[in-house]
Amino acid sequence: MCPSRNSAAAEGDVALLLIRPTVELLLHRLIEKLGRASDFMSTDSREDRLARRVADLYSTDIQFADARPIEALTAAIEQPGLRLSRIMSTVMGAYAERPAVGERAVNL
């Protein structure tokens, strides 16, 4: 190998070493400005992110909040020994006022 080639490679390595921290710093600042660091560098579990997303939807999306399961109903139908017909009539009665099929407006 030619000595000038080794020195060129070494200079390239040095240039990369100098650029990398700068790029990482710029990316970090960009992420901070976006205010979404958790989306890019999250150490939270998938379940934690899902729980936060669902909580956010309940607080900001009225249609989502209106479709929230009825907790008392869930407890009632989880009792042991209930027949399927009893479970179905309980569920249908509790959700009778809610729309069975929904559609959301989408703007493209």
PDB file of N, CA and C in Angstrom:
ATOM      1  N   MET A   1       0.838  -1.188   0.000  1.00  0.00           N
ATOM      2  CA  MET A   1       0.000   0.000   0.000  1.00  0.00           C
ATOM      3  C   MET A   1       0.872   1.237   0.000  1.00  0.00           C
ATOM      4  N   CYS A   2       0.367   2.233  -0.561  1.00  0.00           N
ATOM      5  CA  CYS A   2       1.059   3.495  -0.697  1.00  0.00           C
ATOM      6  C   CYS A   2       0.900   4.300   0.596  1.00  0.00           C
ATOM      7  N   PRO A   3       2.001   4.914   1.122  1.00  0.00           N
ATOM      8  CA  PRO A   3       1.891   5.677   2.362  1.00  0.00           C
ATOM      9  C   PRO A   3       0.911   6.848   2.258  1.00  0.00           C
ATOM     10  N   SER A   4       0.825   7.470   1.098  1.00  0.00           N
ATOM     11  CA  SER A   4      -0.086   8.596   0.966  1.00  0.00           C
ATOM     12  C   SER A   4      -1.543   8.131   1.067  1.00  0.00           C
ATOM     13  N   ARG A   5      -1.791   6.909   0.629  1.00  0.00           N
ATOM     14  CA  ARG A   5      -3.145   6.361   0.725  1.00  0.00           C
ATOM     15  C   ARG A   5      -3.519   6.133   2.189  1.00  0.00           C
ATOM     16  N   ASN A   6      -2.592   5.630   3.003  1.00  0.00           N
ATOM     17  CA  ASN A   6      -2.854   5.421   4.431  1.00  0.00           C
ATOM     18  C   ASN A   6      -3.100   6.754   5.125  1.00  0.00           C
ATOM     19  N   SER A   7      -2.322   7.766   4.770  1.00  0.00           N
ATOM     20  CA  SER A   7      -2.513   9.067   5.410  1.00  0.00           C
ATOM     21  C   SER A   7      -3.836   9.688   4.974  1.00  0.00           C
ATOM     22  N   ALA A   8      -4.252   9.446   3.715  1.00  0.00           N
ATOM     23  CA  ALA A   8      -5.540   9.957   3.256  1.00  0.00           C
ATOM     24  C   ALA A   8      -6.665   9.278   4.014  1.00  0.00           C
ATOM     25  N   ALA A   9      -6.526   7.971   4.223  1.00  0.00           N
ATOM     26  CA  ALA A   9      -7.547   7.242   4.980  1.00  0.00           C
ATOM     27  C   ALA A   9      -7.574   7.746   6.412  1.00  0.00           C
ATOM     28  N   ALA A  10      -6.406   7.978   6.986  1.00  0.00           N
ATOM     29  CA  ALA A  10      -6.353   8.486   8.360  1.00  0.00           C
ATOM     30  C   ALA A  10      -6.975   9.870   8.445  1.00  0.00           C
ATOM     31  N   GLU A  11      -6.728  10.715   7.464  1.00  0.00           N
ATOM     32  CA  GLU A  11      -7.340  12.049   7.443  1.00  0.00           C
ATOM     33  C   GLU A  11      -8.854  11.932   7.318  1.00  0.00           C
ATOM     34  N   GLY A  12      -9.321  10.995   6.500  1.00  0.00           N
ATOM     35  CA  GLY A  12     -10.759  10.769   6.360  1.00  0.00           C
ATOM     36  C   GLY A  12     -11.368  10.316   7.674  1.00  0.00           C
ATOM     37  N   ASP A  13     -10.656   9.439   8.390  1.00  0.00           N
ATOM     38  CA  ASP A  13     -11.141   8.973   9.690  1.00  0.00           C
ATOM     39  C   ASP A  13     -11.234  10.131  10.667  1.00  0.00           C
ATOM     40  N   VAL A  14     -10.233  10.998  10.655  1.00  0.00           N
ATOM     41  CA  VAL A  14     -10.229  12.156  11.550  1.00  0.00           C
ATOM     42  C   VAL A  14     -11.393  13.078  11.207  1.00  0.00           C
ATOM     43  N   ALA A  15     -11.625  13.277   9.905  1.00  0.00           N
ATOM     44  CA  ALA A  15     -12.724  14.138   9.493  1.00  0.00           C
ATOM     45  C   ALA A  15     -14.058  13.566   9.967  1.00  0.00           C
ATOM     46  N   LEU A  16     -14.236  12.249   9.846  1.00  0.00           N
ATOM     47  CA  LEU A  16     -15.467  11.619  10.320  1.00  0.00           C
ATOM     48  C   LEU A  16     -15.620  11.768  11.827  1.00  0.00           C
ATOM     49  N   LEU A  17     -14.515  11.625  12.543  1.00  0.00           N
ATOM     50  CA  LEU A  17     -14.565  11.762  13.999  1.00  0.00           C
ATOM     51  C   LEU A  17     -14.968  13.177  14.400  1.00  0.00           C
ATOM     52  N   LEU A  18     -14.549  14.163  13.620  1.00  0.00           N
ATOM     53  CA  LEU A  18     -14.899  15.543  13.930  1.00  0.00           C
ATOM     54  C   LEU A  18     -16.336  15.870  13.536  1.00  0.00           C
ATOM     55  N   ILE A  19     -16.824  15.260  12.477  1.00  0.00           N
ATOM     56  CA  ILE A  19     -18.170  15.559  11.990  1.00  0.00           C
ATOM     57  C   ILE A  19     -19.235  14.854  12.823  1.00  0.00           C
ATOM     58  N   ARG A  20     -18.978  13.635  13.251  1.00  0.00           N
ATOM     59  CA  ARG A  20     -19.996  12.839  13.939  1.00  0.00           C
ATOM     60  C   ARG A  20     -20.574  13.541  15.178  1.00  0.00           C
ATOM     61  N   PRO A  21     -19.753  14.057  16.100  1.00  0.00           N
ATOM     62  CA  PRO A  21     -20.350  14.734  17.258  1.00  0.00           C
ATOM     63  C   PRO A  21     -21.184  15.949  16.861  1.00  0.00           C
ATOM     64  N   THR A  22     -20.764  16.634  15.806  1.00  0.00           N
ATOM     65  CA  THR A  22     -21.511  17.800  15.344  1.00  0.00           C
ATOM     66  C   THR A  22     -22.879  17.374  14.822  1.00  0.00           C
ATOM     67  N   VAL A  23     -22.908  16.325  14.030  1.00  0.00           N
ATOM     68  CA  VAL A  23     -24.167  15.823  13.492  1.00  0.00           C
ATOM     69  C   VAL A  23     -25.061  15.338  14.632  1.00  0.00           C
ATOM     70  N   GLU A  24     -24.493  14.614  15.593  1.00  0.00           N
ATOM     71  CA  GLU A  24     -25.279  14.130  16.727  1.00  0.00           C
ATOM     72  C   GLU A  24     -25.850  15.297  17.535  1.00  0.00           C
ATOM     73  N   LEU A  25     -25.058  16.336  17.722  1.00  0.00           N
ATOM     74  CA  LEU A  25     -25.522  17.508  18.457  1.00  0.00           C
ATOM     75  C   LEU A  25     -26.660  18.198  17.703  1.00  0.00           C
ATOM     76  N   LEU A  26     -26.503  18.350  16.397  1.00  0.00           N
ATOM     77  CA  LEU A  26     -27.552  18.975  15.593  1.00  0.00           C
ATOM     78  C   LEU A  26     -28.843  18.160  15.628  1.00  0.00           C
ATOM     79  N   LEU A  27     -28.725  16.848  15.523  1.00  0.00           N
ATOM     80  CA  LEU A  27     -29.915  16.000  15.592  1.00  0.00           C
ATOM     81  C   LEU A  27     -30.587  16.108  16.951  1.00  0.00           C
ATOM     82  N   HIS A  28     -29.788  16.109  18.005  1.00  0.00           N
ATOM     83  CA  HIS A  28     -30.329  16.226  19.355  1.00  0.00           C
ATOM     84  C   HIS A  28     -31.071  17.559  19.519  1.00  0.00           C
ATOM     85  N   ARG A  29     -30.488  18.636  19.019  1.00  0.00           N
ATOM     86  CA  ARG A  29     -31.143  19.947  19.113  1.00  0.00           C
ATOM     87  C   ARG A  29     -32.432  19.989  18.296  1.00  0.00           C
ATOM     88  N   LEU A  30     -32.409  19.370  17.122  1.00  0.00           N
ATOM     89  CA  LEU A  30     -33.601  19.323  16.289  1.00  0.00           C
ATOM     90  C   LEU A  30     -34.714  18.553  16.993  1.00  0.00           C
ATOM     91  N   ILE A  31     -34.375  17.439  17.575  1.00  0.00           N
ATOM     92  CA  ILE A  31     -35.356  16.637  18.297  1.00  0.00           C
ATOM     93  C   ILE A  31     -35.914  17.421  19.472  1.00  0.00           C
ATOM     94  N   GLU A  32     -35.072  18.139  20.194  1.00  0.00           N
ATOM     95  CA  GLU A  32     -35.546  18.954  21.314  1.00  0.00           C
ATOM     96  C   GLU A  32     -36.501  20.036  20.826  1.00  0.00           C
ATOM     97  N   LYS A  33     -36.159  20.673  19.698  1.00  0.00           N
ATOM     98  CA  LYS A  33     -37.023  21.736  19.165  1.00  0.00           C
ATOM     99  C   LYS A  33     -38.377  21.181  18.745  1.00  0.00           C
ATOM    100  N   LEU A  34     -38.375  19.993  18.208  1.00  0.00           N
ATOM    101  CA  LEU A  34     -39.632  19.372  17.820  1.00  0.00           C
ATOM    102  C   LEU A  34     -40.461  18.980  19.034  1.00  0.00           C
ATOM    103  N   GLY A  35     -39.799  18.848  20.179  1.00  0.00           N
ATOM    104  CA  GLY A  35     -40.495  18.475  21.392  1.00  0.00           C
ATOM    105  C   GLY A  35     -40.988  17.044  21.372  1.00  0.00           C
ATOM    106  N   ARG A  36     -40.344  16.233  20.582  1.00  0.00           N
ATOM    107  CA  ARG A  36     -40.781  14.858  20.436  1.00  0.00           C
ATOM    108  C   ARG A  36     -39.621  13.901  20.654  1.00  0.00           C
ATOM    109  N   ALA A  37     -38.777  14.175  21.595  1.00  0.00           N
ATOM    110  CA  ALA A  37     -37.611  13.328  21.826  1.00  0.00           C
ATOM    111  C   ALA A  37     -38.015  11.898  22.150  1.00  0.00           C
ATOM    112  N   SER A  38     -39.140  11.715  22.809  1.00  0.00           N
ATOM    113  CA  SER A  38     -39.546  10.362  23.175  1.00  0.00           C
ATOM    114  C   SER A  38     -39.851   9.516  21.948  1.00  0.00           C
ATOM    115  N   ASP A  39     -40.254  10.148  20.832  1.00  0.00           N
ATOM    116  CA  ASP A  39     -40.536   9.393  19.625  1.00  0.00           C
ATOM    117  C   ASP A  39     -39.268   8.845  18.988  1.00  0.00           C
ATOM    118  N   PHE A  40     -38.156   9.540  19.183  1.00  0.00           N
ATOM    119  CA  PHE A  40     -36.921   9.152  18.523  1.00  0.00           C
ATOM    120  C   PHE A  40     -35.994   8.333  19.407  1.00  0.00           C
ATOM    121  N   MET A  41     -35.905   8.693  20.668  1.00  0.00           N
ATOM    122  CA  MET A  41     -34.934   8.049  21.539  1.00  0.00           C
ATOM    123  C   MET A  41     -35.607   7.548  22.815  1.00  0.00           C
ATOM    124  N   SER A  42     -36.666   6.832  22.650  1.00  0.00           N
ATOM    125  CA  SER A  42     -37.442   6.387  23.794  1.00  0.00           C
ATOM    126  C   SER A  42     -36.848   5.141  24.411  1.00  0.00           C
ATOM    127  N   THR A  43     -36.834   5.135  25.724  1.00  0.00           N
ATOM    128  CA  THR A  43     -36.456   3.921  26.441  1.00  0.00           C
ATOM    129  C   THR A  43     -37.693   3.305  27.075  1.00  0.00           C
ATOM    130  N   ASP A  44     -38.861   3.944  26.847  1.00  0.00           N
ATOM    131  CA  ASP A  44     -40.109   3.419  27.379  1.00  0.00           C
ATOM    132  C   ASP A  44     -40.494   2.158  26.620  1.00  0.00           C
ATOM    133  N   SER A  45     -41.247   1.324  27.296  1.00  0.00           N
ATOM    134  CA  SER A  45     -41.716   0.119  26.636  1.00  0.00           C
ATOM    135  C   SER A  45     -42.857   0.469  25.681  1.00  0.00           C
ATOM    136  N   ARG A  46     -43.129  -0.437  24.817  1.00  0.00           N
ATOM    137  CA  ARG A  46     -44.210  -0.234  23.853  1.00  0.00           C
ATOM    138  C   ARG A  46     -45.539  -0.039  24.590  1.00  0.00           C
ATOM    139  N   GLU A  47     -45.721  -0.789  25.670  1.00  0.00           N
ATOM    140  CA  GLU A  47     -46.946  -0.675  26.458  1.00  0.00           C
ATOM    141  C   GLU A  47     -47.073   0.706  27.084  1.00  0.00           C
ATOM    142  N   ASP A  48     -45.962   1.277  27.556  1.00  0.00           N
ATOM    143  CA  ASP A  48     -45.992   2.622  28.139  1.00  0.00           C
ATOM    144  C   ASP A  48     -46.383   3.663  27.099  1.00  0.00           C
ATOM    145  N   ARG A  49     -45.799   3.546  25.901  1.00  0.00           N
ATOM    146  CA  ARG A  49     -46.133   4.490  24.835  1.00  0.00           C
ATOM    147  C   ARG A  49     -47.597   4.356  24.432  1.00  0.00           C
ATOM    148  N   LEU A  50     -48.086   3.117  24.360  1.00  0.00           N
ATOM    149  CA  LEU A  50     -49.486   2.898  24.014  1.00  0.00           C
ATOM    150  C   LEU A  50     -50.400   3.480  25.087  1.00  0.00           C
ATOM    151  N   ALA A  51     -50.073   3.275  26.346  1.00  0.00           N
ATOM    152  CA  ALA A  51     -50.893   3.816  27.440  1.00  0.00           C
ATOM    153  C   ALA A  51     -50.940   5.339  27.380  1.00  0.00           C
ATOM    154  N   ARG A  52     -49.796   5.978  27.106  1.00  0.00           N
ATOM    155  CA  ARG A  52     -49.771   7.441  26.983  1.00  0.00           C
ATOM    156  C   ARG A  52     -50.601   7.899  25.783  1.00  0.00           C
ATOM    157  N   ARG A  53     -50.519   7.178  24.680  1.00  0.00           N
ATOM    158  CA  ARG A  53     -51.269   7.543  23.473  1.00  0.00           C
ATOM    159  C   ARG A  53     -52.770   7.420  23.720  1.00  0.00           C
ATOM    160  N   VAL A  54     -53.181   6.340  24.367  1.00  0.00           N
ATOM    161  CA  VAL A  54     -54.599   6.147  24.660  1.00  0.00           C
ATOM    162  C   VAL A  54     -55.088   7.238  25.607  1.00  0.00           C
ATOM    163  N   ALA A  55     -54.311   7.547  26.635  1.00  0.00           N
ATOM    164  CA  ALA A  55     -54.690   8.615  27.570  1.00  0.00           C
ATOM    165  C   ALA A  55     -54.810   9.945  26.841  1.00  0.00           C
ATOM    166  N   ASP A  56     -53.900  10.214  25.921  1.00  0.00           N
ATOM    167  CA  ASP A  56     -53.957  11.443  25.137  1.00  0.00           C
ATOM    168  C   ASP A  56     -55.211  11.475  24.272  1.00  0.00           C
ATOM    169  N   LEU A  57     -55.543  10.370  23.657  1.00  0.00           N
ATOM    170  CA  LEU A  57     -56.744  10.319  22.830  1.00  0.00           C
ATOM    171  C   LEU A  57     -58.005  10.508  23.664  1.00  0.00           C
ATOM    172  N   TYR A  58     -58.058   9.908  24.836  1.00  0.00           N
ATOM    173  CA  TYR A  58     -59.227  10.098  25.702  1.00  0.00           C
ATOM    174  C   TYR A  58     -59.401  11.564  26.079  1.00  0.00           C
ATOM    175  N   SER A  59     -58.301  12.284  26.240  1.00  0.00           N
ATOM    176  CA  SER A  59     -58.407  13.679  26.659  1.00  0.00           C
ATOM    177  C   SER A  59     -58.586  14.657  25.499  1.00  0.00           C
ATOM    178  N   THR A  60     -58.242  14.257  24.275  1.00  0.00           N
ATOM    179  CA  THR A  60     -58.292  15.205  23.156  1.00  0.00           C
ATOM    180  C   THR A  60     -59.268  14.837  22.049  1.00  0.00           C
ATOM    181  N   ASP A  61     -59.724  13.600  21.992  1.00  0.00           N
ATOM    182  CA  ASP A  61     -60.574  13.147  20.886  1.00  0.00           C
ATOM    183  C   ASP A  61     -61.933  12.730  21.445  1.00  0.00           C
ATOM    184  N   ILE A  62     -62.936  13.535  21.190  1.00  0.00           N
ATOM    185  CA  ILE A  62     -64.257  13.292  21.779  1.00  0.00           C
ATOM    186  C   ILE A  62     -64.867  11.983  21.282  1.00  0.00           C
ATOM    187  N   GLN A  63     -64.655  11.637  20.020  1.00  0.00           N
ATOM    188  CA  GLN A  63     -65.191  10.379  19.498  1.00  0.00           C
ATOM    189  C   GLN A  63     -64.535   9.184  20.175  1.00  0.00           C
ATOM    190  N   PHE A  64     -63.247   9.271  20.382  1.00  0.00           N
ATOM    191  CA  PHE A  64     -62.530   8.194  21.058  1.00  0.00           C
ATOM    192  C   PHE A  64     -63.017   8.076  22.503  1.00  0.00           C
ATOM    193  N   ALA A  65     -63.153   9.207  23.175  1.00  0.00           N
ATOM    194  CA  ALA A  65     -63.610   9.205  24.567  1.00  0.00           C
ATOM    195  C   ALA A  65     -65.030   8.658  24.677  1.00  0.00           C
ATOM    196  N   ASP A  66     -65.891   8.990  23.722  1.00  0.00           N
ATOM    197  CA  ASP A  66     -67.263   8.487  23.751  1.00  0.00           C
ATOM    198  C   ASP A  66     -67.345   6.979  23.537  1.00  0.00           C
ATOM    199  N   ALA A  67     -66.323   6.403  22.934  1.00  0.00           N
ATOM    200  CA  ALA A  67     -66.303   4.954  22.688  1.00  0.00           C
ATOM    201  C   ALA A  67     -65.613   4.179  23.811  1.00  0.00           C
ATOM    202  N   ARG A  68     -65.265   4.858  24.885  1.00  0.00           N
ATOM    203  CA  ARG A  68     -64.585   4.207  26.005  1.00  0.00           C
ATOM    204  C   ARG A  68     -65.454   3.066  26.547  1.00  0.00           C
ATOM    205  N   PRO A  69     -64.843   1.918  26.827  1.00  0.00           N
ATOM    206  CA  PRO A  69     -65.612   0.808  27.401  1.00  0.00           C
ATOM    207  C   PRO A  69     -66.206   1.188  28.757  1.00  0.00           C
ATOM    208  N   ILE A  70     -67.357   0.632  29.056  1.00  0.00           N
ATOM    209  CA  ILE A  70     -68.014   0.863  30.335  1.00  0.00           C
ATOM    210  C   ILE A  70     -67.386  -0.095  31.351  1.00  0.00           C
ATOM    211  N   GLU A  71     -66.652   0.455  32.328  1.00  0.00           N
ATOM    212  CA  GLU A  71     -65.906  -0.380  33.268  1.00  0.00           C
ATOM    213  C   GLU A  71     -66.815  -1.255  34.123  1.00  0.00           C
ATOM    214  N   ALA A  72     -67.947  -0.716  34.554  1.00  0.00           N
ATOM    215  CA  ALA A  72     -68.871  -1.507  35.371  1.00  0.00           C
ATOM    216  C   ALA A  72     -69.412  -2.691  34.573  1.00  0.00           C
ATOM    217  N   LEU A  73     -69.632  -2.480  33.281  1.00  0.00           N
ATOM    218  CA  LEU A  73     -70.094  -3.566  32.424  1.00  0.00           C
ATOM    219  C   LEU A  73     -69.033  -4.650  32.312  1.00  0.00           C
ATOM    220  N   THR A  74     -67.814  -4.240  32.105  1.00  0.00           N
ATOM    221  CA  THR A  74     -66.715  -5.205  32.001  1.00  0.00           C
ATOM    222  C   THR A  74     -66.646  -6.063  33.259  1.00  0.00           C
ATOM    223  N   ALA A  75     -66.738  -5.435  34.409  1.00  0.00           N
ATOM    224  CA  ALA A  75     -66.713  -6.191  35.671  1.00  0.00           C
ATOM    225  C   ALA A  75     -67.919  -7.122  35.775  1.00  0.00           C
ATOM    226  N   ALA A  76     -69.080  -6.655  35.320  1.00  0.00           N
ATOM    227  CA  ALA A  76     -70.298  -7.462  35.424  1.00  0.00           C
ATOM    228  C   ALA A  76     -70.237  -8.711  34.557  1.00  0.00           C
ATOM    229  N   ILE A  77     -69.700  -8.599  33.350  1.00  0.00           N
ATOM    230  CA  ILE A  77     -69.693  -9.763  32.451  1.00  0.00           C
ATOM    231  C   ILE A  77     -68.519 -10.701  32.705  1.00  0.00           C
ATOM    232  N   GLU A  78     -67.581 -10.301  33.559  1.00  0.00           N
ATOM    233  CA  GLU A  78     -66.453 -11.174  33.880  1.00  0.00           C
ATOM    234  C   GLU A  78     -66.731 -12.077  35.076  1.00  0.00           C
ATOM    235  N   GLN A  79     -67.928 -12.003  35.611  1.00  0.00           N
ATOM    236  CA  GLN A  79     -68.272 -12.874  36.732  1.00  0.00           C
ATOM    237  C   GLN A  79     -68.307 -14.320  36.252  1.00  0.00           C
ATOM    238  N   PRO A  80     -67.767 -15.220  37.051  1.00  0.00           N
ATOM    239  CA  PRO A  80     -67.773 -16.629  36.641  1.00  0.00           C
ATOM    240  C   PRO A  80     -69.188 -17.205  36.623  1.00  0.00           C
ATOM    241  N   GLY A  81     -69.399 -18.137  35.708  1.00  0.00           N
ATOM    242  CA  GLY A  81     -70.663 -18.856  35.655  1.00  0.00           C
ATOM    243  C   GLY A  81     -71.736 -18.223  34.796  1.00  0.00           C
ATOM    244  N   LEU A  82     -71.500 -17.084  34.209  1.00  0.00           N
ATOM    245  CA  LEU A  82     -72.518 -16.453  33.362  1.00  0.00           C
ATOM    246  C   LEU A  82     -72.620 -17.186  32.035  1.00  0.00           C
ATOM    247  N   ARG A  83     -73.838 -17.346  31.577  1.00  0.00           N
ATOM    248  CA  ARG A  83     -74.066 -17.968  30.272  1.00  0.00           C
ATOM    249  C   ARG A  83     -73.846 -16.916  29.182  1.00  0.00           C
ATOM    250  N   LEU A  84     -73.513 -17.385  28.007  1.00  0.00           N
ATOM    251  CA  LEU A  84     -73.252 -16.485  26.889  1.00  0.00           C
ATOM    252  C   LEU A  84     -74.471 -15.607  26.590  1.00  0.00           C
ATOM    253  N   SER A  85     -75.655 -16.166  26.648  1.00  0.00           N
ATOM    254  CA  SER A  85     -76.862 -15.380  26.360  1.00  0.00           C
ATOM    255  C   SER A  85     -77.013 -14.232  27.362  1.00  0.00           C
ATOM    256  N   ARG A  86     -76.677 -14.481  28.625  1.00  0.00           N
ATOM    257  CA  ARG A  86     -76.751 -13.432  29.654  1.00  0.00           C
ATOM    258  C   ARG A  86     -75.701 -12.351  29.393  1.00  0.00           C
ATOM    259  N   ILE A  87     -74.495 -12.764  29.027  1.00  0.00           N
ATOM    260  CA  ILE A  87     -73.419 -11.812  28.719  1.00  0.00           C
ATOM    261  C   ILE A  87     -73.821 -10.942  27.545  1.00  0.00           C
ATOM    262  N   MET A  88     -74.344 -11.563  26.473  1.00  0.00           N
ATOM    263  CA  MET A  88     -74.723 -10.810  25.267  1.00  0.00           C
ATOM    264  C   MET A  88     -75.851  -9.831  25.559  1.00  0.00           C
ATOM    265  N   SER A  89     -76.864 -10.247  26.310  1.00  0.00           N
ATOM    266  CA  SER A  89     -77.968  -9.328  26.603  1.00  0.00           C
ATOM    267  C   SER A  89     -77.502  -8.176  27.488  1.00  0.00           C
ATOM    268  N   THR A  90     -76.584  -8.451  28.404  1.00  0.00           N
ATOM    269  CA  THR A  90     -76.040  -7.394  29.262  1.00  0.00           C
ATOM    270  C   THR A  90     -75.249  -6.385  28.436  1.00  0.00           C
ATOM    271  N   VAL A  91     -74.408  -6.878  27.551  1.00  0.00           N
ATOM    272  CA  VAL A  91     -73.591  -5.998  26.706  1.00  0.00           C
ATOM    273  C   VAL A  91     -74.477  -5.189  25.765  1.00  0.00           C
ATOM    274  N   MET A  92     -75.404  -5.845  25.096  1.00  0.00           N
ATOM    275  CA  MET A  92     -76.266  -5.142  24.138  1.00  0.00           C
ATOM    276  C   MET A  92     -77.131  -4.090  24.828  1.00  0.00           C
ATOM    277  N   GLY A  93     -77.609  -4.405  26.019  1.00  0.00           N
ATOM    278  CA  GLY A  93     -78.405  -3.434  26.759  1.00  0.00           C
ATOM    279  C   GLY A  93     -77.586  -2.227  27.181  1.00  0.00           C
ATOM    280  N   ALA A  94     -76.360  -2.465  27.626  1.00  0.00           N
ATOM    281  CA  ALA A  94     -75.506  -1.370  28.099  1.00  0.00           C
ATOM    282  C   ALA A  94     -75.048  -0.458  26.962  1.00  0.00           C
ATOM    283  N   TYR A  95     -74.812  -1.035  25.802  1.00  0.00           N
ATOM    284  CA  TYR A  95     -74.309  -0.252  24.673  1.00  0.00           C
ATOM    285  C   TYR A  95     -75.402   0.111  23.671  1.00  0.00           C
ATOM    286  N   ALA A  96     -76.665  -0.047  24.026  1.00  0.00           N
ATOM    287  CA  ALA A  96     -77.769   0.179  23.086  1.00  0.00           C
ATOM    288  C   ALA A  96     -77.791   1.602  22.527  1.00  0.00           C
ATOM    289  N   GLU A  97     -77.382   2.570  23.308  1.00  0.00           N
ATOM    290  CA  GLU A  97     -77.430   3.970  22.861  1.00  0.00           C
ATOM    291  C   GLU A  97     -76.230   4.383  22.007  1.00  0.00           C
ATOM    292  N   ARG A  98     -75.245   3.536  21.947  1.00  0.00           N
ATOM    293  CA  ARG A  98     -74.050   3.874  21.156  1.00  0.00           C
ATOM    294  C   ARG A  98     -74.200   3.386  19.725  1.00  0.00           C
ATOM    295  N   PRO A  99     -73.575   4.101  18.775  1.00  0.00           N
ATOM    296  CA  PRO A  99     -73.641   3.637  17.386  1.00  0.00           C
ATOM    297  C   PRO A  99     -72.890   2.310  17.234  1.00  0.00           C
ATOM    298  N   ALA A 100     -73.490   1.401  16.460  1.00  0.00           N
ATOM    299  CA  ALA A 100     -72.875   0.092  16.272  1.00  0.00           C
ATOM    300  C   ALA A 100     -71.721   0.158  15.276  1.00  0.00           C
ATOM    301  N   VAL A 101     -71.852   1.023  14.294  1.00  0.00           N
ATOM    302  CA  VAL A 101     -70.818   1.169  13.282  1.00  0.00           C
ATOM    303  C   VAL A 101     -70.496   2.648  13.190  1.00  0.00           C
ATOM    304  N   GLY A 102     -69.225   2.956  13.192  1.00  0.00           N
ATOM    305  CA  GLY A 102     -68.832   4.362  13.134  1.00  0.00           C
ATOM    306  C   GLY A 102     -67.985   4.642  11.908  1.00  0.00           C
ATOM    307  N   GLU A 103     -67.905   5.908  11.602  1.00  0.00           N
ATOM    308  CA  GLU A 103     -67.080   6.354  10.497  1.00  0.00           C
ATOM    309  C   GLU A 103     -66.479   7.690  10.882  1.00  0.00           C
ATOM    310  N   ARG A 104     -65.215   7.861  10.585  1.00  0.00           N
ATOM    311  CA  ARG A 104     -64.536   9.101  10.910  1.00  0.00           C
ATOM    312  C   ARG A 104     -64.278   9.891   9.642  1.00  0.00           C
ATOM    313  N   ALA A 105     -64.384  11.186   9.761  1.00  0.00           N
ATOM    314  CA  ALA A 105     -64.080  12.057   8.625  1.00  0.00           C
ATOM    315  C   ALA A 105     -62.581  12.082   8.398  1.00  0.00           C
ATOM    316  N   VAL A 106     -62.183  11.995   7.155  1.00  0.00           N
ATOM    317  CA  VAL A 106     -60.773  12.014   6.791  1.00  0.00           C
ATOM    318  C   VAL A 106     -60.584  13.024   5.673  1.00  0.00           C
ATOM    319  N   ASN A 107     -59.649  13.936   5.871  1.00  0.00           N
ATOM    320  CA  ASN A 107     -59.305  14.894   4.817  1.00  0.00           C
ATOM    321  C   ASN A 107     -58.019  14.465   4.172  1.00  0.00           C
ATOM    322  N   LEU A 108     -58.032  14.324   2.881  1.00  0.00           N
ATOM    323  CA  LEU A 108     -56.813  13.929   2.158  1.00  0.00           C
ATOM    324  C   LEU A 108     -56.233  15.115   1.444  1.00  0.00           C
TER     325      LEU A 108
END
